Amino acid sequence: MAFQECANFTLKTCDLGNNVYNTYGFSSSTNNLFIWTNFNLKQALGTLWDKYDTYRLTLMVSAATALSGTPATNDDKLPLIKLTGFQYLNCNYDQRTGQKTPYTYVGVQSFLQSNFASSQFYNFTNSITILKGDPFINIQIELEKVSNNTLATTSVGTFPQQAFIFRIDGIPKQKQ
């Protein structure tokens, strides 16, 4: 197998302001909406920035500290991880509206048991194609119910702290 250069980055919700913007971004008071502001994509990509214009972005792992209490409904136990902020290529068509959207879904977070930490390993199954754009972006993650496109909720009012580990691979330009 040939060597393939890649980049990795981790988004941690504990870095964000709780219901207020701080230097790194914002987390809702219920920990179901996160915004990392002024994320330096060029810095995160390192040497890949100058070598490629198209990339494969893969959510490798999502993890959460222990949930105290329980999600409000069964629908809240496995919310979709909705990702906004990147310039997507061919990966965000919404069948309901018949339109492309500025977001895509990259995985599912698991809150099946209270008082237990959880993690999901995706093994390259949740890859999307992104384009090089602005070097500074705002990345937003929402935990969204499968049943009705609203934010997931808990009976105790807040989801635990979470981390999302991403890998980025450059996609070579095809020869004409």
N, C-alpha and C. Protein backbone atom coordinates (compact mmCIF):
# COMPACT_ATOMS: atom_id res chain seq x y z
N MET A 1 0.84 -1.17 0.00
CA MET A 1 0.00 0.00 0.00
C MET A 1 0.89 1.24 0.00
N ALA A 2 0.59 2.17 -0.84
CA ALA A 2 1.37 3.39 -0.96
C ALA A 2 1.03 4.36 0.16
N PHE A 3 2.01 5.16 0.54
CA PHE A 3 1.81 6.18 1.56
C PHE A 3 0.84 7.22 1.04
N GLN A 4 -0.09 7.61 1.87
CA GLN A 4 -1.03 8.67 1.51
C GLN A 4 -1.00 9.73 2.60
N GLU A 5 -0.60 10.93 2.20
CA GLU A 5 -0.55 12.04 3.13
C GLU A 5 -1.97 12.46 3.50
N CYS A 6 -2.19 12.74 4.77
CA CYS A 6 -3.50 13.17 5.22
C CYS A 6 -3.34 14.19 6.34
N ALA A 7 -4.43 14.77 6.75
CA ALA A 7 -4.45 15.69 7.89
C ALA A 7 -5.59 15.25 8.81
N ASN A 8 -5.44 15.54 10.08
CA ASN A 8 -6.46 15.22 11.08
C ASN A 8 -6.73 16.45 11.92
N PHE A 9 -7.97 16.57 12.39
CA PHE A 9 -8.27 17.60 13.37
C PHE A 9 -9.40 17.12 14.26
N THR A 10 -9.43 17.67 15.46
CA THR A 10 -10.43 17.30 16.45
C THR A 10 -11.19 18.54 16.89
N LEU A 11 -12.49 18.45 16.92
CA LEU A 11 -13.35 19.51 17.43
C LEU A 11 -13.90 19.04 18.78
N LYS A 12 -13.61 19.81 19.83
CA LYS A 12 -14.06 19.44 21.16
C LYS A 12 -15.04 20.50 21.67
N THR A 13 -16.18 20.04 22.15
CA THR A 13 -17.20 20.98 22.62
C THR A 13 -16.79 21.69 23.91
N CYS A 14 -15.90 21.09 24.68
CA CYS A 14 -15.47 21.73 25.93
C CYS A 14 -14.68 23.01 25.68
N ASP A 15 -14.21 23.22 24.45
CA ASP A 15 -13.48 24.45 24.12
C ASP A 15 -14.40 25.64 23.89
N LEU A 16 -15.67 25.39 23.71
CA LEU A 16 -16.63 26.43 23.33
C LEU A 16 -17.27 27.09 24.54
N GLY A 17 -17.73 28.32 24.34
CA GLY A 17 -18.45 29.02 25.39
C GLY A 17 -19.82 28.40 25.59
N ASN A 18 -20.26 28.28 26.84
CA ASN A 18 -21.55 27.70 27.15
C ASN A 18 -22.63 28.76 27.04
N ASN A 19 -23.40 28.69 25.95
CA ASN A 19 -24.49 29.61 25.68
C ASN A 19 -24.02 31.06 25.49
N VAL A 20 -22.74 31.21 25.16
CA VAL A 20 -22.14 32.51 24.87
C VAL A 20 -20.93 32.25 23.96
N TYR A 21 -20.64 33.18 23.08
CA TYR A 21 -19.46 33.04 22.22
C TYR A 21 -18.20 33.33 23.02
N ASN A 22 -17.17 32.49 22.85
CA ASN A 22 -15.84 32.78 23.38
C ASN A 22 -14.87 32.84 22.19
N THR A 23 -13.59 32.79 22.44
CA THR A 23 -12.58 32.88 21.39
C THR A 23 -12.74 31.78 20.34
N TYR A 24 -13.23 30.62 20.74
CA TYR A 24 -13.29 29.46 19.85
C TYR A 24 -14.66 29.21 19.25
N GLY A 25 -15.69 29.78 19.86
CA GLY A 25 -17.02 29.56 19.31
C GLY A 25 -18.10 29.52 20.36
N PHE A 26 -19.12 28.71 20.09
CA PHE A 26 -20.36 28.73 20.87
C PHE A 26 -20.89 27.31 21.03
N SER A 27 -21.44 27.02 22.20
CA SER A 27 -22.18 25.79 22.45
C SER A 27 -23.51 26.18 23.07
N SER A 28 -24.59 25.59 22.57
CA SER A 28 -25.90 25.88 23.17
C SER A 28 -25.91 25.38 24.62
N SER A 29 -26.80 25.92 25.41
CA SER A 29 -26.87 25.53 26.82
C SER A 29 -27.24 24.07 26.99
N THR A 30 -27.83 23.47 25.96
CA THR A 30 -28.21 22.05 26.04
C THR A 30 -27.20 21.13 25.34
N ASN A 31 -26.12 21.67 24.81
CA ASN A 31 -25.07 20.90 24.13
C ASN A 31 -25.60 20.08 22.96
N ASN A 32 -26.49 20.67 22.18
CA ASN A 32 -26.97 20.00 20.97
C ASN A 32 -26.69 20.83 19.71
N LEU A 33 -26.03 21.98 19.88
CA LEU A 33 -25.64 22.85 18.77
C LEU A 33 -24.28 23.45 19.11
N PHE A 34 -23.33 23.32 18.17
CA PHE A 34 -21.96 23.78 18.40
C PHE A 34 -21.47 24.56 17.19
N ILE A 35 -20.77 25.66 17.43
CA ILE A 35 -20.19 26.44 16.34
C ILE A 35 -18.74 26.77 16.70
N TRP A 36 -17.80 26.28 15.89
CA TRP A 36 -16.40 26.63 16.04
C TRP A 36 -16.14 27.76 15.06
N THR A 37 -15.76 28.94 15.56
CA THR A 37 -15.59 30.12 14.71
C THR A 37 -14.14 30.29 14.30
N ASN A 38 -13.97 30.85 13.10
CA ASN A 38 -12.65 31.15 12.56
C ASN A 38 -11.70 29.96 12.60
N PHE A 39 -12.24 28.78 12.26
CA PHE A 39 -11.41 27.58 12.18
C PHE A 39 -10.47 27.75 10.99
N ASN A 40 -9.18 27.60 11.22
CA ASN A 40 -8.18 27.81 10.18
C ASN A 40 -7.99 26.53 9.39
N LEU A 41 -8.78 26.36 8.33
CA LEU A 41 -8.72 25.16 7.51
C LEU A 41 -7.37 25.03 6.82
N LYS A 42 -6.81 26.14 6.37
CA LYS A 42 -5.51 26.11 5.71
C LYS A 42 -4.44 25.57 6.66
N GLN A 43 -4.45 26.02 7.89
CA GLN A 43 -3.48 25.53 8.89
C GLN A 43 -3.73 24.05 9.19
N ALA A 44 -4.99 23.66 9.32
CA ALA A 44 -5.31 22.26 9.61
C ALA A 44 -4.86 21.33 8.48
N LEU A 45 -4.98 21.80 7.23
CA LEU A 45 -4.58 20.98 6.08
C LEU A 45 -3.07 20.93 5.89
N GLY A 46 -2.36 21.91 6.41
CA GLY A 46 -0.90 21.92 6.26
C GLY A 46 -0.50 21.91 4.79
N THR A 47 0.39 20.99 4.43
CA THR A 47 0.89 20.92 3.05
C THR A 47 -0.16 20.50 2.04
N LEU A 48 -1.26 19.92 2.49
CA LEU A 48 -2.33 19.51 1.58
C LEU A 48 -3.01 20.72 0.94
N TRP A 49 -3.00 21.87 1.63
CA TRP A 49 -3.66 23.07 1.13
C TRP A 49 -3.14 23.47 -0.25
N ASP A 50 -1.84 23.45 -0.44
CA ASP A 50 -1.25 23.86 -1.71
C ASP A 50 -1.24 22.76 -2.76
N LYS A 51 -1.39 21.51 -2.35
CA LYS A 51 -1.31 20.38 -3.28
C LYS A 51 -2.64 20.02 -3.93
N TYR A 52 -3.75 20.34 -3.28
CA TYR A 52 -5.05 19.87 -3.75
C TYR A 52 -6.09 20.99 -3.69
N ASP A 53 -7.14 20.83 -4.48
CA ASP A 53 -8.28 21.74 -4.45
C ASP A 53 -9.54 21.03 -3.97
N THR A 54 -9.51 19.70 -3.95
CA THR A 54 -10.64 18.88 -3.56
C THR A 54 -10.16 17.88 -2.50
N TYR A 55 -11.01 17.62 -1.52
CA TYR A 55 -10.61 16.78 -0.39
C TYR A 55 -11.73 15.82 -0.01
N ARG A 56 -11.32 14.72 0.62
CA ARG A 56 -12.28 13.80 1.24
C ARG A 56 -12.22 14.06 2.74
N LEU A 57 -13.33 14.51 3.31
CA LEU A 57 -13.44 14.76 4.74
C LEU A 57 -14.19 13.58 5.35
N THR A 58 -13.59 12.96 6.36
CA THR A 58 -14.17 11.78 6.97
C THR A 58 -14.28 11.96 8.47
N LEU A 59 -15.48 11.76 9.00
CA LEU A 59 -15.64 11.69 10.44
C LEU A 59 -15.16 10.30 10.85
N MET A 60 -14.08 10.26 11.61
CA MET A 60 -13.51 8.98 12.03
C MET A 60 -14.10 8.49 13.35
N VAL A 61 -14.25 9.42 14.31
CA VAL A 61 -14.74 9.06 15.65
C VAL A 61 -15.59 10.20 16.18
N SER A 62 -16.68 9.84 16.83
CA SER A 62 -17.41 10.79 17.66
C SER A 62 -17.47 10.18 19.05
N ALA A 63 -17.24 11.01 20.05
CA ALA A 63 -17.21 10.50 21.42
C ALA A 63 -17.95 11.47 22.33
N ALA A 64 -18.47 10.94 23.43
CA ALA A 64 -19.20 11.76 24.39
C ALA A 64 -18.90 11.28 25.80
N THR A 65 -18.79 12.23 26.72
CA THR A 65 -18.65 11.86 28.12
C THR A 65 -19.98 11.29 28.60
N ALA A 66 -20.01 10.80 29.82
CA ALA A 66 -21.21 10.15 30.34
C ALA A 66 -22.39 11.11 30.39
N LEU A 67 -23.54 10.63 29.98
CA LEU A 67 -24.78 11.38 30.02
C LEU A 67 -25.45 11.13 31.36
N SER A 68 -25.70 12.19 32.09
CA SER A 68 -26.46 12.04 33.34
C SER A 68 -27.93 12.23 32.98
N GLY A 69 -28.75 11.29 33.35
CA GLY A 69 -30.15 11.34 32.94
C GLY A 69 -30.31 10.59 31.64
N THR A 70 -31.41 10.84 30.96
CA THR A 70 -31.69 10.13 29.71
C THR A 70 -32.16 11.11 28.65
N PRO A 71 -31.96 10.75 27.39
CA PRO A 71 -32.55 11.56 26.33
C PRO A 71 -34.07 11.61 26.50
N ALA A 72 -34.67 12.69 26.03
CA ALA A 72 -36.10 12.92 26.24
C ALA A 72 -36.97 11.84 25.61
N THR A 73 -36.61 11.37 24.42
CA THR A 73 -37.38 10.32 23.74
C THR A 73 -36.41 9.34 23.10
N ASN A 74 -36.94 8.24 22.59
CA ASN A 74 -36.08 7.30 21.86
C ASN A 74 -35.42 7.97 20.67
N ASP A 75 -36.11 8.90 20.06
CA ASP A 75 -35.59 9.61 18.90
C ASP A 75 -34.36 10.45 19.25
N ASP A 76 -34.24 10.85 20.50
CA ASP A 76 -33.11 11.67 20.94
C ASP A 76 -31.88 10.83 21.30
N LYS A 77 -32.01 9.53 21.37
CA LYS A 77 -30.89 8.67 21.77
C LYS A 77 -29.85 8.49 20.67
N LEU A 78 -30.25 8.63 19.42
CA LEU A 78 -29.33 8.45 18.30
C LEU A 78 -29.49 9.59 17.30
N PRO A 79 -29.14 10.80 17.71
CA PRO A 79 -29.32 11.92 16.78
C PRO A 79 -28.30 11.91 15.66
N LEU A 80 -28.71 12.42 14.52
CA LEU A 80 -27.81 12.60 13.39
C LEU A 80 -26.83 13.73 13.68
N ILE A 81 -25.62 13.61 13.17
CA ILE A 81 -24.62 14.66 13.30
C ILE A 81 -24.66 15.47 12.01
N LYS A 82 -25.24 16.66 12.09
CA LYS A 82 -25.43 17.55 10.95
C LYS A 82 -24.27 18.55 10.90
N LEU A 83 -23.56 18.57 9.78
CA LEU A 83 -22.34 19.38 9.64
C LEU A 83 -22.54 20.49 8.61
N THR A 84 -22.21 21.72 9.00
CA THR A 84 -22.31 22.90 8.15
C THR A 84 -20.98 23.65 8.20
N GLY A 85 -20.62 24.32 7.12
CA GLY A 85 -19.47 25.20 7.16
C GLY A 85 -18.45 24.97 6.07
N PHE A 86 -18.47 23.79 5.47
CA PHE A 86 -17.54 23.48 4.40
C PHE A 86 -18.20 23.74 3.05
N GLN A 87 -17.40 23.84 2.02
CA GLN A 87 -17.91 23.97 0.66
C GLN A 87 -18.02 22.54 0.10
N TYR A 88 -19.23 22.01 0.05
CA TYR A 88 -19.46 20.62 -0.32
C TYR A 88 -19.54 20.43 -1.82
N LEU A 89 -19.19 19.23 -2.26
CA LEU A 89 -19.28 18.85 -3.66
C LEU A 89 -20.09 17.56 -3.75
N ASN A 90 -21.26 17.63 -4.38
CA ASN A 90 -22.07 16.44 -4.67
C ASN A 90 -22.41 15.59 -3.45
N CYS A 91 -22.72 16.19 -2.33
CA CYS A 91 -22.99 15.33 -1.18
C CYS A 91 -24.09 15.84 -0.26
N ASN A 92 -24.90 16.73 -0.71
CA ASN A 92 -25.88 17.28 0.21
C ASN A 92 -27.21 17.58 -0.46
N TYR A 93 -27.75 16.60 -1.13
CA TYR A 93 -29.06 16.73 -1.77
C TYR A 93 -30.14 16.32 -0.77
N ASP A 94 -31.17 17.13 -0.63
CA ASP A 94 -32.28 16.86 0.27
C ASP A 94 -33.48 16.40 -0.55
N GLN A 95 -33.84 15.14 -0.41
CA GLN A 95 -34.94 14.56 -1.18
C GLN A 95 -36.27 15.27 -0.90
N ARG A 96 -36.48 15.68 0.35
CA ARG A 96 -37.73 16.31 0.75
C ARG A 96 -37.97 17.62 0.00
N THR A 97 -36.90 18.42 -0.14
CA THR A 97 -37.04 19.72 -0.79
C THR A 97 -36.66 19.69 -2.26
N GLY A 98 -35.92 18.66 -2.67
CA GLY A 98 -35.44 18.59 -4.04
C GLY A 98 -34.32 19.57 -4.33
N GLN A 99 -33.66 20.03 -3.29
CA GLN A 99 -32.61 21.03 -3.42
C GLN A 99 -31.31 20.57 -2.76
N LYS A 100 -30.21 21.18 -3.17
CA LYS A 100 -28.96 21.01 -2.43
C LYS A 100 -29.03 21.88 -1.19
N THR A 101 -28.35 21.46 -0.14
CA THR A 101 -28.38 22.19 1.12
C THR A 101 -26.96 22.60 1.50
N PRO A 102 -26.81 23.58 2.39
CA PRO A 102 -25.48 23.99 2.85
C PRO A 102 -24.95 23.11 3.99
N TYR A 103 -25.58 21.98 4.21
CA TYR A 103 -25.16 21.06 5.27
C TYR A 103 -25.20 19.63 4.74
N THR A 104 -24.60 18.72 5.51
CA THR A 104 -24.68 17.31 5.22
C THR A 104 -24.65 16.54 6.54
N TYR A 105 -25.00 15.28 6.52
CA TYR A 105 -24.96 14.45 7.72
C TYR A 105 -23.74 13.54 7.62
N VAL A 106 -22.97 13.50 8.71
CA VAL A 106 -21.71 12.75 8.68
C VAL A 106 -21.68 11.58 9.66
N GLY A 107 -22.73 11.38 10.41
CA GLY A 107 -22.72 10.26 11.35
C GLY A 107 -23.91 10.33 12.30
N VAL A 108 -23.84 9.48 13.30
CA VAL A 108 -24.86 9.38 14.33
C VAL A 108 -24.16 9.37 15.68
N GLN A 109 -24.64 10.19 16.61
CA GLN A 109 -24.11 10.17 17.97
C GLN A 109 -24.96 9.21 18.79
N SER A 110 -24.36 8.57 19.77
CA SER A 110 -25.08 7.56 20.55
C SER A 110 -25.19 7.97 22.01
N PHE A 111 -26.42 8.04 22.50
CA PHE A 111 -26.69 8.31 23.91
C PHE A 111 -27.65 7.24 24.42
N LEU A 112 -27.30 5.98 24.23
CA LEU A 112 -28.22 4.89 24.56
C LEU A 112 -28.36 4.64 26.05
N GLN A 113 -27.29 4.85 26.82
CA GLN A 113 -27.36 4.59 28.26
C GLN A 113 -26.89 5.80 29.03
N SER A 114 -27.58 6.08 30.13
CA SER A 114 -27.12 7.17 30.99
C SER A 114 -25.96 6.67 31.84
N ASN A 115 -25.13 7.60 32.28
CA ASN A 115 -23.97 7.34 33.12
C ASN A 115 -22.87 6.51 32.45
N PHE A 116 -22.90 6.42 31.13
CA PHE A 116 -21.85 5.75 30.38
C PHE A 116 -21.36 6.66 29.27
N ALA A 117 -20.05 6.72 29.12
CA ALA A 117 -19.48 7.45 27.98
C ALA A 117 -19.73 6.62 26.72
N SER A 118 -19.68 7.27 25.58
CA SER A 118 -19.93 6.54 24.34
C SER A 118 -18.98 7.01 23.25
N SER A 119 -18.74 6.14 22.30
CA SER A 119 -17.94 6.52 21.13
C SER A 119 -18.42 5.72 19.93
N GLN A 120 -18.28 6.31 18.78
CA GLN A 120 -18.64 5.69 17.51
C GLN A 120 -17.40 5.75 16.62
N PHE A 121 -17.02 4.62 16.04
CA PHE A 121 -15.90 4.56 15.10
C PHE A 121 -16.49 4.30 13.72
N TYR A 122 -16.14 5.14 12.76
CA TYR A 122 -16.81 5.10 11.47
C TYR A 122 -16.03 4.40 10.36
N ASN A 123 -14.72 4.23 10.50
CA ASN A 123 -13.92 3.47 9.54
C ASN A 123 -14.17 3.85 8.08
N PHE A 124 -14.09 5.12 7.78
CA PHE A 124 -14.20 5.67 6.43
C PHE A 124 -15.59 5.51 5.81
N THR A 125 -16.59 5.18 6.59
CA THR A 125 -17.93 5.03 6.02
C THR A 125 -18.65 6.36 5.90
N ASN A 126 -18.17 7.38 6.59
CA ASN A 126 -18.85 8.66 6.59
C ASN A 126 -17.96 9.73 5.97
N SER A 127 -17.68 9.59 4.68
CA SER A 127 -16.82 10.53 3.96
C SER A 127 -17.66 11.42 3.07
N ILE A 128 -17.22 12.68 2.96
CA ILE A 128 -17.86 13.63 2.07
C ILE A 128 -16.77 14.35 1.30
N THR A 129 -17.12 14.91 0.17
CA THR A 129 -16.16 15.64 -0.65
C THR A 129 -16.34 17.13 -0.42
N ILE A 130 -15.22 17.80 -0.14
CA ILE A 130 -15.25 19.24 0.07
C ILE A 130 -14.26 19.90 -0.89
N LEU A 131 -14.49 21.17 -1.14
CA LEU A 131 -13.62 21.96 -2.01
C LEU A 131 -12.83 22.96 -1.19
N LYS A 132 -11.67 23.33 -1.71
CA LYS A 132 -10.90 24.40 -1.09
C LYS A 132 -11.68 25.70 -1.27
N GLY A 133 -11.79 26.43 -0.22
CA GLY A 133 -12.50 27.72 -0.27
C GLY A 133 -11.77 28.70 0.61
N ASP A 134 -12.52 29.43 1.41
CA ASP A 134 -11.95 30.38 2.34
C ASP A 134 -11.09 29.62 3.36
N PRO A 135 -9.89 30.10 3.67
CA PRO A 135 -9.07 29.40 4.65
C PRO A 135 -9.62 29.46 6.07
N PHE A 136 -10.46 30.45 6.37
CA PHE A 136 -11.09 30.55 7.69
C PHE A 136 -12.58 30.29 7.55
N ILE A 137 -13.07 29.30 8.28
CA ILE A 137 -14.48 28.92 8.18
C ILE A 137 -15.09 28.80 9.57
N ASN A 138 -16.40 28.84 9.62
CA ASN A 138 -17.15 28.54 10.84
C ASN A 138 -17.77 27.16 10.65
N ILE A 139 -17.45 26.25 11.54
CA ILE A 139 -17.96 24.88 11.46
C ILE A 139 -19.08 24.73 12.48
N GLN A 140 -20.21 24.24 12.02
CA GLN A 140 -21.36 24.04 12.90
C GLN A 140 -21.76 22.57 12.90
N ILE A 141 -21.98 22.04 14.09
CA ILE A 141 -22.51 20.69 14.26
C ILE A 141 -23.79 20.78 15.08
N GLU A 142 -24.83 20.14 14.57
CA GLU A 142 -26.10 20.05 15.30
C GLU A 142 -26.42 18.58 15.51
N LEU A 143 -26.98 18.26 16.65
CA LEU A 143 -27.50 16.92 16.91
C LEU A 143 -28.98 16.96 16.59
N GLU A 144 -29.36 16.31 15.50
CA GLU A 144 -30.71 16.46 14.97
C GLU A 144 -31.48 15.14 15.04
N LYS A 145 -32.73 15.24 15.45
CA LYS A 145 -33.61 14.07 15.50
C LYS A 145 -33.84 13.52 14.09
N VAL A 146 -33.93 12.22 13.98
CA VAL A 146 -34.21 11.58 12.70
C VAL A 146 -35.66 11.84 12.29
N SER A 147 -36.57 11.89 13.24
CA SER A 147 -38.00 11.91 12.93
C SER A 147 -38.53 13.24 12.41
N ASN A 148 -37.93 14.38 12.83
CA ASN A 148 -38.58 15.63 12.46
C ASN A 148 -37.63 16.81 12.23
N ASN A 149 -36.35 16.57 12.02
CA ASN A 149 -35.38 17.62 11.68
C ASN A 149 -35.26 18.71 12.74
N THR A 150 -35.52 18.40 14.00
CA THR A 150 -35.34 19.37 15.08
C THR A 150 -34.17 18.92 15.95
N LEU A 151 -33.68 19.81 16.79
CA LEU A 151 -32.57 19.47 17.66
C LEU A 151 -32.99 18.43 18.70
N ALA A 152 -32.09 17.48 18.95
CA ALA A 152 -32.34 16.47 19.97
C ALA A 152 -32.38 17.13 21.35
N THR A 153 -33.12 16.52 22.29
CA THR A 153 -33.25 17.08 23.64
C THR A 153 -33.06 15.98 24.67
N THR A 154 -32.83 16.38 25.93
CA THR A 154 -32.69 15.42 27.02
C THR A 154 -33.66 15.78 28.14
N SER A 155 -33.95 14.78 28.96
CA SER A 155 -34.84 15.02 30.10
C SER A 155 -34.16 15.83 31.19
N VAL A 156 -32.84 15.84 31.21
CA VAL A 156 -32.10 16.59 32.23
C VAL A 156 -31.64 17.94 31.71
N GLY A 157 -31.94 18.24 30.45
CA GLY A 157 -31.67 19.56 29.92
C GLY A 157 -30.38 19.74 29.14
N THR A 158 -29.43 18.83 29.27
CA THR A 158 -28.18 19.03 28.55
C THR A 158 -27.53 17.71 28.16
N PHE A 159 -26.96 17.69 26.97
CA PHE A 159 -26.16 16.54 26.53
C PHE A 159 -24.75 16.70 27.08
N PRO A 160 -23.97 15.63 27.12
CA PRO A 160 -22.61 15.72 27.66
C PRO A 160 -21.65 16.42 26.68
N GLN A 161 -20.43 16.68 27.16
CA GLN A 161 -19.38 17.20 26.28
C GLN A 161 -19.04 16.14 25.24
N GLN A 162 -18.63 16.60 24.05
CA GLN A 162 -18.39 15.68 22.94
C GLN A 162 -17.13 16.08 22.18
N ALA A 163 -16.61 15.12 21.42
CA ALA A 163 -15.46 15.37 20.55
C ALA A 163 -15.72 14.68 19.22
N PHE A 164 -15.24 15.31 18.15
CA PHE A 164 -15.41 14.80 16.79
C PHE A 164 -14.03 14.81 16.13
N ILE A 165 -13.56 13.64 15.73
CA ILE A 165 -12.24 13.51 15.12
C ILE A 165 -12.41 13.29 13.63
N PHE A 166 -11.82 14.17 12.84
CA PHE A 166 -11.94 14.14 11.39
C PHE A 166 -10.59 13.85 10.75
N ARG A 167 -10.64 13.25 9.58
CA ARG A 167 -9.46 13.04 8.73
C ARG A 167 -9.77 13.68 7.38
N ILE A 168 -8.74 14.30 6.79
CA ILE A 168 -8.88 14.89 5.47
C ILE A 168 -7.80 14.32 4.56
N ASP A 169 -8.23 13.82 3.40
CA ASP A 169 -7.33 13.32 2.37
C ASP A 169 -7.47 14.19 1.13
N GLY A 170 -6.36 14.50 0.50
CA GLY A 170 -6.40 15.24 -0.76
C GLY A 170 -6.83 14.32 -1.90
N ILE A 171 -7.60 14.86 -2.83
CA ILE A 171 -8.04 14.10 -4.00
C ILE A 171 -7.29 14.67 -5.21
N PRO A 172 -6.43 13.85 -5.84
CA PRO A 172 -5.65 14.35 -6.99
C PRO A 172 -6.56 14.79 -8.13
N LYS A 173 -6.10 15.82 -8.84
CA LYS A 173 -6.82 16.27 -10.03
C LYS A 173 -6.72 15.20 -11.10
N GLN A 174 -7.82 14.98 -11.81
CA GLN A 174 -7.81 14.00 -12.90
C GLN A 174 -7.17 14.63 -14.12
N LYS A 175 -6.41 13.80 -14.81
CA LYS A 175 -5.78 14.28 -16.05
C LYS A 175 -6.83 14.38 -17.14
N GLN A 176 -6.77 15.48 -17.88
CA GLN A 176 -7.74 15.72 -18.95
C GLN A 176 -7.41 14.88 -20.17
